[in-house]
Structures are given as C-alpha cells and as structure tokens.
Amino acid sequence: MGVIPVTLPNPKFEFTQARQRQLSTSVSLDSTTCRARIAAYNPSINAFVRTSPPPPPPPPHPSPLAHETLPLQLATRPVAVKDSICTRGMGAGCASEMLRDFDPPYDATVVTLLRAAGADIIGKTNCDEFGMGSMNIHSIHGPVINPFGSPAHRSSMARSTFPSAPSSSAPPLPPPPSPEARSAGGSSGGSAAAVAAGMCFAALGTDTGGSTRLPAAYCGVVGLKPSYGLLSRWGVVSFADSLDCVGVMAGCVEDTELVFDVLNVYDEKDPTAALPETREAARRACERRMEEMGWSEGRLDGLRIGIPQEYFPAEMTDAVLQPLRRTIAGLQAKGAVVVPVSMPATAYALSAYYVLASAEASSCLARFDGVEYGLHVRPPPGTDLATTSTAELYALSRSAGFGREVKKRILLGTYALSADAFDNYFLQAQRVRQLVKDDFDRVFGIPDYRQCTTGETGSEGVDVLVHPSAIQTAPRLDGEGGGGLETYVQDVLTVPASLAGLPALSVPVAGEGWPVGVSVVGQWGCESVVFAVGRAAERI
C-alpha cells in the first residue's frame, strides 16, 4: 500500500495522481517505518495519543515447523486503535478527563482478533470525547489536524516520544492550529489522519452516526461502517448502544476488506451481535445476486445503483458534486445501471438521530459518577456530608470529568427521556427511525435478513446506493463553525445508514483540491457487494 504525501506545497493538489500512486505502489508500511513516521509527523498532526513499544524482532533461526504454519492475515501489520476501544496496557481514555487514567485489564474482542491475526497494535488514536463530534475538536488532547492541510513536520512542535501506558501526568497539548489547518473529521479523526499520513497500515474507529465515514472522506482514505451487529462491540466504550459500530479505515478498499474479514466473527459476549444463521442467510443472498450478475474483471454489468434524490441538500458544495458525477459516470461506463430513488424520511433522519443518540448517551454515561467508574473529585474541605445529597457528590465528578459537548448531549438526552418530553421527542424519533429503515427496505432488491429468514431478491430493487459522504470538503479549524449548529449538519448524509444499521463504505474519489468521499451503501450483511462496488469506484 502506498502512502499519501503529508507535506503538500499547495493543498489544492490533483487528488487523482496521489490516489493512483497509492493504488499502484507496493511500498510496505512495516512497524519500523510507521513508528518513524509517527515520531516525525505526529507532533504536527496529533493523531496518536499513545504508542506501544516496538515488537520484538523475529528469531534469527526460524523453527523448522514454521513453513508448515499458515501465514497470519495481518502478520506484522501496524494497526492503530481508537482511544474508545479497550486495549490492555494502552488505556482507553475516550479523549476525556473522566477516563484519562483508565487502563483496561483486558482487550476488546476486536483487538484480540487483530492480535490473533498477527497485527502490531501500534498505538491509540485521538478522537472526540466519547465519540461525540464531527470535527475532532472535543478532545482533551487537542484537535487532530488533517494531514492534507498541514505541514508534515513543525520543528517547534517536535515531540518524539509518547507514553506507552496511561500516566497521571498528561502530555502537553499541541499549540493551536494555524489558520490554514483543516479538520480531520470526527469523531474518529485520529484514526483517519494516521492512515492518511502513512503512520499505520489500517486503523479502527467507531461509527455512531458517521464517525468513520466523515473523517475518511475529509482525509482521503477508505472508511467502513459495517452492518450493525457484525463486528463485536465487547470492550468498546458505549456512546449509543443501538447505533455504535466498530469501523475500519485503510488506504484502499482491499486493505479495508482484509481487516474487516479478520474481525467479522460472531462473539457471544456481545448481546447485540447478529446470530450466525442471520449472517449466513445474508451472505448466501449476496452470493446469489453476484452470481446472477456474473461480473467479469473490471465490469459491473447488471449492477443496479440507486441515487437517492434527498441526499443532495442545498448546503452541498460544487467541490463535492462534480467528483460524484464523474464517479457515477465511471460506474455506468463499467456496465452499471443508475436508477433514481426517493427516500422521503431522509429529511427527518438527522433530527431523529440526535434525539436518539443523545438519549442513549445520557443512559450509557450515567455509570461515570466518580464512585463506580471514572474521575473522582472529592468534596471541598468543610463540606457537611450529612446534608450533601448523593446527586451533589456525583455532580462534582461529572462536572469536572466531562467536556462541554458531552455535557450538552447528556442534558439534551435526559430531557428527551423525561416524562414531559418522552412521547413528543423520543418516541417520535423512534417512529422516524422505522420510516428510514422502511425507505431502505423498499429500494433494495435484497431483503433485510434481520427481519426474515427467507426471501427472494427483487429484480426491480437496487443493489447499492451511491451518494456523497459529506456536504463539503474538510472545514477549517480556525474557529469558523466550531460551536454552531452547522457542525451538526455535517452528519446529514451519514446518519440514515446508521439509523438503519446498514453497511456503508466511504471511498476517496478523483477531484481537484481537498479529498472527496463517495459512499456506497448496501443492504444489511451485503458487505461483499459494497466492497466490490467500492473497488470499482476507487479506480475511476
């Protein structure tokens, strides 16, 4: 896999050329190379908050039985992990003061699977606090800088070492970003920036409403939100249980699929995991559909692509629209049939998402009270504990431990779940969520096997949907739009797939200027079709 350059004399570069270099070169991102790049470039990008020691070198004289052992899928590949995923000995701080010193005594299931496949867990990546944000600016470690918009190295910010385990002494924050600096997207901005800067082979993020796909689009890498329930969430710190997914980012679709295949294992420890028989039914349906189409190398004959009319809001910029049109034309040239579709519930999806996500966040984060979990702040000297309520004691720790954005969403979610607002907000949002799911089921030719165990693929339905991943290219980090409602609108194109629990893949496509991502969305469990279309799109 190649490396997209980090140092750019002019950010308005021709992305096609960089993308073709990445797809055609065979440069290996080994552990030594990636650690050297982290030491050189991370001070100016702020993608990593913690790195691991280098793995021990291989023995000089391999065992005579080594040739009989099957090669591991990710042998020695450096993989980064978002800071909200438990990693033994490397912390899981969620970019929050509340969990700054938390060192989990176990690995999340996805990390265990990576290690079993031979991956080198190279470090933990920066993120928005508890996954709440679209620009990766809500972090105790400071914002993540998009590698495409910042110099590769600033000597005044150089810092060559990072703690290999949680420490009570926090590393200094990087200086404020320059006026030209751009957002890496959120909440998994550190993972996207690490891949884009060639500091790892692949990275894990989480995706609740677009937190993998939006950073992937802004940073020019591939980002996958898998079908809900396919990848285990055991060991992942929850934001919104019915929406959270572990996401995968890499430099190309092939590498993303490789990591996904390693992680796509049923985990009985995860109560939200899709059952093996449901997975198998969806897999067989996708295989039958692909056999019907009979694709040859480089062709997409028989593929039906839906273009949702509601996914082109007035806020969308021409810098995003033109590359999308070229991509659709390229897919048509490969034999695909483009079909306009209507998904009317999309207009209400974003509002429903923020009600539901905030409500679930207020519930999931209630455990961090400073007594059972999280930062504990002792009452001021002289406090009369006999007359101080438990709620007041909790408030001391929660006020100090949570950042502004997290507090805001907890308050909104708590109100949505209150007796006065439950019917008008939370239940209404659940009804909208079902309408969004119904829209997807109506346009797809393959049924949702979470709802039924048998079903026939429809000849009139589409196989995938294609739409922009974001309404704009990476926004600036100079304070413009940093706290207004416009930051929440950035998720408008990604939340529908999250509400429906469907697989969505953001693929960087050719365009002038900053990277642009195009999303490919499929029916539940149809990652194989989504990956096939994604591979075709990235080569246009």
Protein backbone atom coordinates (compact mmCIF):
# COMPACT_ATOMS: atom_id res chain seq x y z
CA MET A 1 0.00 0.00 0.00
CA GLY A 2 1.32 3.41 -0.86
CA VAL A 3 1.49 6.48 1.32
CA ILE A 4 -0.39 9.66 0.54
CA PRO A 5 2.12 12.51 0.94
CA VAL A 6 1.79 14.52 4.14
CA THR A 7 3.81 17.56 3.08
CA LEU A 8 1.98 19.49 0.42
CA PRO A 9 3.35 22.65 -1.16
CA ASN A 10 -0.21 23.55 -2.09
CA PRO A 11 -3.30 21.85 -0.67
CA LYS A 12 -5.11 22.41 -3.96
CA PHE A 13 -3.40 19.40 -5.48
CA GLU A 14 -4.70 16.93 -8.04
CA PHE A 15 -6.04 14.13 -5.88
CA THR A 16 -6.21 11.71 -8.81
CA GLN A 17 -2.44 11.49 -9.05
CA ALA A 18 -1.95 10.86 -5.34
CA ARG A 19 -4.68 8.22 -5.38
CA GLN A 20 -3.18 6.38 -8.35
CA ARG A 21 0.22 6.34 -6.65
CA GLN A 22 -1.37 4.82 -3.59
CA LEU A 23 -3.14 2.07 -5.53
CA SER A 24 -0.22 1.17 -7.78
CA THR A 25 2.79 1.18 -5.46
CA SER A 26 3.80 -1.76 -3.30
CA VAL A 27 5.54 0.24 -0.56
CA SER A 28 5.17 -1.66 2.71
CA LEU A 29 4.09 0.13 5.85
CA ASP A 30 6.00 -2.01 8.34
CA SER A 31 6.24 -1.36 12.07
CA THR A 32 9.63 0.34 11.90
CA THR A 33 8.61 2.69 9.10
CA CYS A 34 5.35 3.62 10.78
CA ARG A 35 6.96 4.35 14.13
CA ALA A 36 9.49 6.58 12.40
CA ARG A 37 6.68 8.44 10.66
CA ILE A 38 4.80 8.81 13.95
CA ALA A 39 7.87 10.34 15.57
CA ALA A 40 8.34 12.72 12.65
CA TYR A 41 4.77 13.70 11.78
CA ASN A 42 2.52 13.16 14.79
CA PRO A 43 3.60 16.35 16.59
CA SER A 44 2.04 18.39 13.78
CA ILE A 45 -0.98 16.12 13.17
CA ASN A 46 -1.85 14.99 16.72
CA ALA A 47 -3.36 11.70 15.51
CA PHE A 48 -1.85 9.47 18.22
CA VAL A 49 -2.27 9.97 21.95
CA ARG A 50 -0.25 6.89 22.92
CA THR A 51 2.06 4.45 21.17
CA SER A 52 3.24 0.96 22.03
CA PRO A 53 6.83 -0.27 22.26
CA PRO A 54 8.21 -1.90 19.09
CA PRO A 55 7.51 -5.62 18.84
CA PRO A 56 10.40 -8.00 19.50
CA PRO A 57 12.40 -8.92 16.39
CA PRO A 58 11.80 -12.34 14.82
CA PRO A 59 14.18 -15.10 15.83
CA PRO A 60 17.34 -15.31 13.67
CA HIS A 61 16.79 -19.01 13.10
CA PRO A 62 13.13 -19.79 12.42
CA SER A 63 11.65 -23.01 13.69
CA PRO A 64 11.79 -25.89 11.16
CA LEU A 65 8.00 -26.12 11.59
CA ALA A 66 7.46 -22.50 10.51
CA HIS A 67 6.91 -23.47 6.87
CA GLU A 68 4.02 -25.68 7.95
CA THR A 69 2.20 -22.79 9.66
CA LEU A 70 -0.36 -20.84 7.65
CA PRO A 71 0.63 -17.16 7.31
CA LEU A 72 -1.32 -14.77 9.52
CA GLN A 73 -3.59 -12.36 7.63
CA LEU A 74 -2.13 -9.26 9.30
CA ALA A 75 1.34 -10.51 10.22
CA THR A 76 3.45 -7.57 11.49
CA ARG A 77 0.99 -5.06 10.02
CA PRO A 78 0.82 -1.95 12.25
CA VAL A 79 -2.80 -1.20 13.16
CA ALA A 80 -3.95 1.77 15.23
CA VAL A 81 -6.94 1.63 17.57
CA LYS A 82 -9.27 4.45 18.58
CA ASP A 83 -8.96 5.54 22.20
CA SER A 84 -12.54 4.44 22.99
CA ILE A 85 -11.70 0.76 22.38
CA CYS A 86 -10.23 -1.16 25.31
CA THR A 87 -6.62 -2.21 24.77
CA ARG A 88 -4.78 -3.91 27.60
CA GLY A 89 -1.87 -1.82 28.89
CA MET A 90 -2.56 1.04 26.46
CA GLY A 91 -5.53 2.73 28.04
CA ALA A 92 -8.98 3.66 26.77
CA GLY A 93 -9.37 7.28 27.78
CA CYS A 94 -12.02 8.26 25.22
CA ALA A 95 -10.21 11.63 24.97
CA SER A 96 -11.94 12.56 28.23
CA GLU A 97 -10.76 13.79 31.60
CA MET A 98 -13.25 11.32 33.07
CA LEU A 99 -11.21 8.31 31.85
CA ARG A 100 -7.76 9.82 31.40
CA ASP A 101 -6.11 7.26 33.70
CA PHE A 102 -8.25 4.25 32.82
CA ASP A 103 -6.11 1.24 31.92
CA PRO A 104 -8.38 -1.69 30.95
CA PRO A 105 -7.13 -5.09 32.15
CA TYR A 106 -8.42 -6.76 29.00
CA ASP A 107 -8.58 -6.34 25.23
CA ALA A 108 -11.79 -5.65 23.36
CA THR A 109 -12.79 -8.59 21.17
CA VAL A 110 -11.76 -6.72 18.00
CA VAL A 111 -8.30 -6.08 19.47
CA THR A 112 -7.99 -9.75 20.47
CA LEU A 113 -8.82 -10.74 16.89
CA LEU A 114 -6.25 -8.31 15.50
CA ARG A 115 -3.53 -9.70 17.74
CA ALA A 116 -4.51 -13.27 16.83
CA ALA A 117 -4.12 -12.33 13.15
CA GLY A 118 -0.58 -11.08 13.82
CA ALA A 119 -1.24 -7.33 13.83
CA ASP A 120 1.07 -4.96 15.67
CA ILE A 121 -1.18 -2.67 17.75
CA ILE A 122 0.94 0.39 17.21
CA GLY A 123 -0.97 2.91 19.30
CA LYS A 124 -4.19 4.63 20.36
CA THR A 125 -5.63 7.43 18.28
CA ASN A 126 -7.17 10.76 19.18
CA CYS A 127 -10.93 11.24 18.93
CA ASP A 128 -13.81 13.44 20.01
CA GLU A 129 -14.67 12.87 23.67
CA PHE A 130 -16.71 9.67 23.96
CA GLY A 131 -17.21 9.81 20.18
CA MET A 132 -19.32 12.96 20.28
CA GLY A 133 -18.37 15.33 17.49
CA SER A 134 -17.85 15.74 13.76
CA MET A 135 -14.55 17.67 13.66
CA ASN A 136 -12.35 16.03 16.33
CA ILE A 137 -12.09 19.25 18.29
CA HIS A 138 -13.73 17.99 21.50
CA SER A 139 -10.70 16.21 22.94
CA ILE A 140 -8.53 16.75 26.00
CA HIS A 141 -5.55 16.05 23.72
CA GLY A 142 -6.37 18.91 21.36
CA PRO A 143 -7.71 18.81 17.78
CA VAL A 144 -6.49 16.46 15.06
CA ILE A 145 -5.02 18.25 12.06
CA ASN A 146 -5.89 16.96 8.60
CA PRO A 147 -2.60 15.75 7.03
CA PHE A 148 -3.60 17.25 3.70
CA GLY A 149 -3.77 20.74 5.11
CA SER A 150 -0.81 20.93 7.45
CA PRO A 151 2.97 20.71 7.07
CA ALA A 152 4.40 17.27 7.74
CA HIS A 153 6.64 18.48 10.47
CA ARG A 154 6.91 21.59 12.61
CA SER A 155 10.20 21.64 14.43
CA SER A 156 8.80 23.91 17.12
CA MET A 157 6.22 21.25 17.98
CA ALA A 158 8.53 18.22 17.72
CA ARG A 159 7.94 15.58 20.34
CA SER A 160 9.45 12.19 19.58
CA THR A 161 8.16 10.07 22.44
CA PHE A 162 4.75 9.19 23.80
CA PRO A 163 3.75 7.28 26.93
CA SER A 164 3.37 3.57 26.29
CA ALA A 165 0.82 3.24 29.09
CA PRO A 166 -1.64 5.58 30.83
CA SER A 167 0.04 8.11 33.03
CA SER A 168 -1.24 10.56 35.57
CA SER A 169 0.99 13.24 34.05
CA ALA A 170 -0.67 14.31 30.82
CA PRO A 171 1.43 15.16 27.76
CA PRO A 172 1.36 18.83 26.82
CA LEU A 173 -1.28 19.96 24.34
CA PRO A 174 -0.03 20.90 20.89
CA PRO A 175 -0.05 24.60 20.01
CA PRO A 176 -3.25 25.98 18.45
CA PRO A 177 -3.65 25.03 14.77
CA SER A 178 -2.68 27.52 12.12
CA PRO A 179 -5.45 29.45 10.33
CA GLU A 180 -4.97 27.23 7.27
CA ALA A 181 -5.33 23.96 9.21
CA ARG A 182 -8.28 21.75 8.29
CA SER A 183 -10.32 19.31 10.35
CA ALA A 184 -9.66 15.59 10.07
CA GLY A 185 -13.34 14.97 10.80
CA GLY A 186 -14.85 13.26 13.79
CA SER A 187 -15.19 11.51 15.90
CA SER A 188 -12.56 9.05 14.60
CA GLY A 189 -10.34 11.80 13.18
CA GLY A 190 -7.15 10.44 14.72
CA SER A 191 -7.60 7.07 13.03
CA ALA A 192 -8.27 8.66 9.64
CA ALA A 193 -5.32 11.05 9.92
CA ALA A 194 -2.99 8.23 10.99
CA VAL A 195 -3.86 6.20 7.89
CA ALA A 196 -3.68 9.22 5.57
CA ALA A 197 -0.24 10.17 6.89
CA GLY A 198 1.14 6.64 6.47
CA MET A 199 1.58 6.14 10.21
CA CYS A 200 -0.18 2.77 10.17
CA PHE A 201 -1.44 0.13 7.75
CA ALA A 202 -5.02 0.39 9.00
CA ALA A 203 -6.92 1.81 11.94
CA LEU A 204 -10.03 1.01 13.93
CA GLY A 205 -12.56 3.69 14.74
CA THR A 206 -16.13 3.71 15.88
CA ASP A 207 -19.14 4.88 13.92
CA THR A 208 -22.35 6.03 15.59
CA GLY A 209 -23.70 8.47 13.01
CA GLY A 210 -20.81 8.83 10.57
CA SER A 211 -17.72 8.93 12.77
CA THR A 212 -15.74 6.66 10.46
CA ARG A 213 -17.05 7.74 7.07
CA LEU A 214 -16.85 11.51 7.60
CA PRO A 215 -13.16 11.52 8.69
CA ALA A 216 -12.36 9.09 5.87
CA ALA A 217 -13.89 11.49 3.36
CA TYR A 218 -12.07 14.51 4.79
CA CYS A 219 -8.68 12.76 4.94
CA GLY A 220 -8.86 10.86 1.63
CA VAL A 221 -8.88 7.29 2.96
CA VAL A 222 -11.34 4.41 2.86
CA GLY A 223 -13.72 4.12 5.81
CA LEU A 224 -16.20 1.33 6.52
CA LYS A 225 -19.19 1.31 8.85
CA PRO A 226 -20.17 -2.38 8.81
CA SER A 227 -23.64 -3.81 9.25
CA TYR A 228 -24.81 -3.34 12.82
CA GLY A 229 -24.10 -6.44 14.85
CA LEU A 230 -21.41 -7.98 12.61
CA LEU A 231 -18.32 -6.72 14.48
CA SER A 232 -18.22 -7.26 18.23
CA ARG A 233 -18.70 -4.23 20.48
CA TRP A 234 -17.50 -6.06 23.59
CA GLY A 235 -14.82 -3.84 25.11
CA VAL A 236 -15.91 -0.72 23.23
CA VAL A 237 -16.93 2.20 25.46
CA SER A 238 -20.53 2.94 24.59
CA PHE A 239 -21.92 6.20 23.25
CA ALA A 240 -25.29 4.98 21.90
CA ASP A 241 -25.77 1.21 22.12
CA SER A 242 -28.28 0.84 19.28
CA LEU A 243 -26.10 2.82 16.86
CA ASP A 244 -22.44 2.16 17.77
CA CYS A 245 -20.33 0.09 15.37
CA VAL A 246 -16.62 -0.61 15.17
CA GLY A 247 -15.35 0.96 11.94
CA VAL A 248 -12.33 0.13 9.78
CA MET A 249 -10.09 2.58 7.90
CA ALA A 250 -7.27 1.85 5.46
CA GLY A 251 -5.63 3.29 2.38
CA CYS A 252 -7.59 1.23 -0.13
CA VAL A 253 -10.68 -0.96 -0.28
CA GLU A 254 -8.67 -4.18 -0.46
CA ASP A 255 -6.89 -3.45 2.84
CA THR A 256 -10.15 -2.39 4.48
CA GLU A 257 -11.79 -5.64 3.43
CA LEU A 258 -8.82 -7.63 4.73
CA VAL A 259 -9.17 -6.16 8.22
CA PHE A 260 -12.97 -6.50 8.14
CA ASP A 261 -12.71 -10.20 7.31
CA VAL A 262 -10.46 -10.72 10.33
CA LEU A 263 -12.96 -9.02 12.64
CA ASN A 264 -16.19 -10.42 11.17
CA VAL A 265 -16.65 -13.14 13.79
CA TYR A 266 -19.67 -13.88 15.97
CA ASP A 267 -18.99 -13.01 19.61
CA GLU A 268 -21.33 -14.46 22.20
CA LYS A 269 -20.09 -11.88 24.72
CA ASP A 270 -21.74 -9.12 22.67
CA PRO A 271 -25.53 -9.14 23.27
CA THR A 272 -26.08 -7.07 20.13
CA ALA A 273 -24.15 -9.47 17.87
CA ALA A 274 -26.03 -10.83 14.86
CA LEU A 275 -26.61 -14.56 15.13
CA PRO A 276 -24.59 -16.91 12.89
CA GLU A 277 -27.68 -18.10 10.97
CA THR A 278 -28.65 -14.48 10.18
CA ARG A 279 -25.16 -13.73 8.91
CA GLU A 280 -25.16 -16.86 6.77
CA ALA A 281 -28.56 -16.10 5.22
CA ALA A 282 -27.44 -12.60 4.20
CA ARG A 283 -24.13 -13.92 2.86
CA ARG A 284 -25.85 -16.53 0.68
CA ALA A 285 -28.29 -13.95 -0.69
CA CYS A 286 -25.41 -11.65 -1.68
CA GLU A 287 -23.52 -14.52 -3.32
CA ARG A 288 -26.59 -15.49 -5.35
CA ARG A 289 -27.06 -11.90 -6.51
CA MET A 290 -23.40 -11.56 -7.54
CA GLU A 291 -23.58 -14.88 -9.41
CA GLU A 292 -26.67 -13.63 -11.24
CA MET A 293 -24.80 -10.55 -12.38
CA GLY A 294 -21.79 -12.62 -13.42
CA TRP A 295 -19.27 -9.82 -13.19
CA SER A 296 -16.07 -10.12 -15.18
CA GLU A 297 -12.85 -8.37 -14.23
CA GLY A 298 -13.38 -4.62 -14.16
CA ARG A 299 -17.04 -4.82 -15.20
CA LEU A 300 -20.26 -4.14 -13.26
CA ASP A 301 -22.78 -5.45 -15.77
CA GLY A 302 -26.20 -5.97 -14.23
CA LEU A 303 -25.48 -3.89 -11.13
CA ARG A 304 -28.31 -1.51 -10.23
CA ILE A 305 -27.16 1.65 -8.45
CA GLY A 306 -29.69 3.86 -6.71
CA ILE A 307 -29.11 7.61 -6.46
CA PRO A 308 -31.27 8.93 -3.58
CA GLN A 309 -32.76 12.27 -4.56
CA GLU A 310 -32.88 13.52 -0.97
CA TYR A 311 -29.10 13.21 -0.49
CA PHE A 312 -28.31 16.47 -2.30
CA PRO A 313 -29.14 19.27 0.19
CA ALA A 314 -28.75 22.93 -0.64
CA GLU A 315 -25.64 23.12 1.57
CA MET A 316 -23.71 20.73 -0.70
CA THR A 317 -20.75 22.38 -2.39
CA ASP A 318 -19.76 22.03 -6.03
CA ALA A 319 -16.37 20.66 -4.95
CA VAL A 320 -18.23 17.54 -3.77
CA LEU A 321 -20.86 17.35 -6.50
CA GLN A 322 -18.56 17.30 -9.52
CA PRO A 323 -16.37 14.35 -8.37
CA LEU A 324 -19.55 12.43 -7.53
CA ARG A 325 -20.91 12.94 -11.03
CA ARG A 326 -17.65 11.72 -12.55
CA THR A 327 -17.71 8.65 -10.31
CA ILE A 328 -21.29 7.78 -11.27
CA ALA A 329 -20.43 8.22 -14.95
CA GLY A 330 -17.42 5.94 -14.48
CA LEU A 331 -19.55 3.25 -12.85
CA GLN A 332 -22.02 3.49 -15.74
CA ALA A 333 -19.16 3.03 -18.18
CA LYS A 334 -18.35 -0.23 -16.41
CA GLY A 335 -21.87 -1.52 -17.12
CA ALA A 336 -23.83 -0.41 -14.04
CA VAL A 337 -27.38 0.87 -14.39
CA VAL A 338 -28.17 4.07 -12.49
CA VAL A 339 -31.67 4.40 -11.04
CA PRO A 340 -33.04 7.48 -9.25
CA VAL A 341 -34.78 6.57 -5.99
CA SER A 342 -36.73 8.55 -3.42
CA MET A 343 -36.28 8.16 0.33
CA PRO A 344 -38.62 10.76 1.84
CA ALA A 345 -37.86 10.01 5.50
CA THR A 346 -34.28 11.24 4.98
CA ALA A 347 -35.40 14.81 5.67
CA TYR A 348 -36.15 13.87 9.29
CA ALA A 349 -33.27 11.44 9.88
CA LEU A 350 -30.78 13.92 11.32
CA SER A 351 -33.22 15.30 13.89
CA ALA A 352 -34.25 11.79 14.92
CA TYR A 353 -30.62 10.71 15.21
CA TYR A 354 -29.63 13.48 17.62
CA VAL A 355 -32.64 12.80 19.83
CA LEU A 356 -31.95 9.06 19.97
CA ALA A 357 -28.16 9.31 20.24
CA SER A 358 -28.33 11.92 23.00
CA ALA A 359 -30.94 9.93 24.91
CA GLU A 360 -28.84 6.77 24.76
CA ALA A 361 -25.71 8.73 25.68
CA SER A 362 -27.37 10.09 28.82
CA SER A 363 -28.12 6.49 29.81
CA CYS A 364 -24.78 4.95 28.81
CA LEU A 365 -22.70 7.65 30.51
CA ALA A 366 -24.68 7.56 33.75
CA ARG A 367 -22.23 4.92 35.03
CA PHE A 368 -19.43 7.50 35.15
CA ASP A 369 -20.28 9.00 38.52
CA GLY A 370 -16.83 9.11 40.12
CA VAL A 371 -17.74 6.30 42.51
CA GLU A 372 -18.15 3.19 40.37
CA TYR A 373 -16.28 4.46 37.31
CA GLY A 374 -14.36 7.49 36.21
CA LEU A 375 -12.67 10.52 37.72
CA HIS A 376 -13.44 11.10 41.39
CA VAL A 377 -13.46 14.65 42.72
CA ARG A 378 -13.55 14.94 46.49
CA PRO A 379 -15.89 17.49 48.08
CA PRO A 380 -14.27 20.78 49.16
CA PRO A 381 -12.89 20.88 52.69
CA GLY A 382 -15.54 21.66 55.24
CA THR A 383 -18.39 20.11 53.25
CA ASP A 384 -21.05 18.65 55.50
CA LEU A 385 -21.51 15.17 54.03
CA ALA A 386 -24.50 14.54 56.24
CA THR A 387 -26.50 17.21 54.43
CA THR A 388 -24.96 16.77 50.97
CA SER A 389 -27.02 14.67 48.57
CA THR A 390 -25.60 11.84 46.51
CA ALA A 391 -26.51 13.75 43.35
CA GLU A 392 -24.44 16.71 44.50
CA LEU A 393 -21.44 14.46 45.11
CA TYR A 394 -21.84 12.89 41.66
CA ALA A 395 -22.11 16.35 40.09
CA LEU A 396 -18.66 17.30 41.37
CA SER A 397 -17.01 14.46 39.46
CA ARG A 398 -19.20 14.66 36.34
CA SER A 399 -18.80 18.44 36.01
CA ALA A 400 -15.01 18.12 36.14
CA GLY A 401 -14.75 14.92 34.10
CA PHE A 402 -16.99 15.64 31.12
CA GLY A 403 -16.31 18.26 28.47
CA ARG A 404 -18.74 20.86 27.14
CA GLU A 405 -20.03 18.80 24.21
CA VAL A 406 -20.64 15.69 26.30
CA LYS A 407 -22.48 17.71 28.96
CA LYS A 408 -24.64 19.27 26.28
CA ARG A 409 -25.70 15.93 24.85
CA ILE A 410 -26.32 14.40 28.27
CA LEU A 411 -28.65 17.29 29.12
CA LEU A 412 -30.48 17.03 25.80
CA GLY A 413 -30.82 13.28 26.14
CA THR A 414 -32.01 13.44 29.71
CA TYR A 415 -34.70 15.92 28.69
CA ALA A 416 -35.79 13.71 25.76
CA LEU A 417 -36.28 10.82 28.21
CA SER A 418 -38.18 12.89 30.76
CA ALA A 419 -41.88 12.30 31.34
CA ASP A 420 -42.84 15.61 29.74
CA ALA A 421 -40.86 15.05 26.53
CA PHE A 422 -40.74 11.27 26.08
CA ASP A 423 -43.76 10.99 23.76
CA ASN A 424 -43.04 14.09 21.70
CA TYR A 425 -39.31 13.50 21.24
CA PHE A 426 -38.00 10.02 21.96
CA LEU A 427 -41.00 8.02 20.68
CA GLN A 428 -41.39 10.27 17.66
CA ALA A 429 -37.71 9.79 16.84
CA GLN A 430 -38.14 6.01 17.07
CA ARG A 431 -41.04 6.23 14.60
CA VAL A 432 -38.89 8.26 12.20
CA ARG A 433 -36.12 5.68 12.55
CA GLN A 434 -38.53 2.97 11.44
CA LEU A 435 -39.58 5.09 8.45
CA VAL A 436 -35.91 5.44 7.47
CA LYS A 437 -35.49 1.66 7.67
CA ASP A 438 -38.62 1.18 5.58
CA ASP A 439 -37.23 3.50 2.89
CA PHE A 440 -34.09 1.38 2.58
CA ASP A 441 -36.02 -1.90 2.53
CA ARG A 442 -38.29 -0.56 -0.20
CA VAL A 443 -35.49 0.41 -2.58
CA PHE A 444 -33.15 -2.57 -2.07
CA GLY A 445 -33.65 -5.74 -4.07
CA ILE A 446 -32.17 -7.98 -1.35
CA PRO A 447 -34.32 -8.31 1.81
CA ASP A 448 -33.13 -7.49 5.30
CA TYR A 449 -32.45 -10.89 6.86
CA ARG A 450 -32.67 -9.45 10.36
CA GLN A 451 -36.42 -9.24 9.72
CA CYS A 452 -36.89 -12.53 7.87
CA THR A 453 -35.05 -15.83 7.45
CA THR A 454 -36.17 -16.45 3.88
CA GLY A 455 -36.68 -14.10 0.99
CA GLU A 456 -36.17 -13.60 -2.72
CA THR A 457 -34.07 -10.91 -4.27
CA GLY A 458 -36.15 -8.45 -6.27
CA SER A 459 -35.34 -7.69 -9.87
CA GLU A 460 -36.66 -4.13 -9.59
CA GLY A 461 -34.77 -3.12 -6.47
CA VAL A 462 -31.28 -1.64 -6.44
CA ASP A 463 -28.15 -3.41 -5.23
CA VAL A 464 -26.42 -0.41 -3.66
CA LEU A 465 -26.96 3.30 -3.10
CA VAL A 466 -24.28 5.83 -4.04
CA HIS A 467 -24.16 9.33 -2.59
CA PRO A 468 -21.63 11.88 -1.28
CA SER A 469 -20.10 11.09 2.10
CA ALA A 470 -20.17 14.74 3.18
CA ILE A 471 -21.70 18.00 2.03
CA GLN A 472 -18.30 19.70 1.81
CA THR A 473 -14.59 19.09 1.94
CA ALA A 474 -12.68 19.31 5.23
CA PRO A 475 -13.66 22.51 7.11
CA ARG A 476 -11.10 24.85 8.58
CA LEU A 477 -10.05 24.75 12.24
CA ASP A 478 -9.75 28.48 12.73
CA GLY A 479 -12.90 28.72 14.80
CA GLU A 480 -15.38 29.19 11.96
CA GLY A 481 -18.33 26.93 12.65
CA GLY A 482 -16.62 25.39 15.64
CA GLY A 483 -19.56 25.67 18.00
CA GLY A 484 -22.66 26.44 15.95
CA LEU A 485 -25.44 24.25 14.69
CA GLU A 486 -23.71 23.94 11.31
CA THR A 487 -21.26 21.42 12.80
CA TYR A 488 -24.14 19.01 13.42
CA VAL A 489 -25.33 19.25 9.80
CA GLN A 490 -22.15 17.57 8.59
CA ASP A 491 -23.65 14.19 9.52
CA VAL A 492 -26.77 14.68 7.42
CA LEU A 493 -25.68 12.20 4.72
CA THR A 494 -24.27 9.54 7.04
CA VAL A 495 -26.90 9.14 9.76
CA PRO A 496 -29.60 7.38 7.65
CA ALA A 497 -27.43 4.26 7.18
CA SER A 498 -26.61 4.36 10.90
CA LEU A 499 -30.28 4.52 11.89
CA ALA A 500 -30.97 1.53 9.63
CA GLY A 501 -27.85 -0.38 10.72
CA LEU A 502 -26.63 -0.84 7.14
CA PRO A 503 -23.09 -1.19 5.76
CA ALA A 504 -21.65 1.99 4.27
CA LEU A 505 -18.23 2.47 2.69
CA SER A 506 -16.69 5.88 2.03
CA VAL A 507 -14.25 5.75 -0.89
CA PRO A 508 -11.97 8.68 -1.88
CA VAL A 509 -12.52 9.68 -5.49
CA ALA A 510 -10.70 11.82 -8.02
CA GLY A 511 -11.11 15.54 -7.62
CA GLU A 512 -9.18 18.77 -7.54
CA GLY A 513 -8.39 20.25 -4.17
CA TRP A 514 -9.19 18.62 -0.87
CA PRO A 515 -10.25 14.95 -0.75
CA VAL A 516 -13.81 13.98 -1.54
CA GLY A 517 -15.52 10.79 -0.42
CA VAL A 518 -18.32 8.88 -2.12
CA SER A 519 -20.39 6.47 -0.02
CA VAL A 520 -21.59 3.06 -1.16
CA VAL A 521 -24.47 1.72 0.97
CA GLY A 522 -25.81 -1.82 0.79
CA GLN A 523 -28.46 -3.97 2.42
CA TRP A 524 -27.69 -5.47 5.82
CA GLY A 525 -24.97 -8.14 5.60
CA CYS A 526 -24.07 -7.29 1.98
CA GLU A 527 -20.53 -6.06 2.61
CA SER A 528 -19.25 -8.21 -0.28
CA VAL A 529 -21.34 -6.22 -2.79
CA VAL A 530 -20.36 -2.92 -1.17
CA PHE A 531 -16.66 -3.79 -1.34
CA ALA A 532 -16.93 -4.82 -4.99
CA VAL A 533 -18.51 -1.51 -5.96
CA GLY A 534 -16.01 0.36 -3.79
CA ARG A 535 -13.08 -1.28 -5.57
CA ALA A 536 -14.52 -0.18 -8.90
CA ALA A 537 -15.11 3.37 -7.68
CA GLU A 538 -11.61 3.93 -6.30
CA ARG A 539 -10.07 3.12 -9.70
CA ILE A 540 -12.11 5.62 -11.69
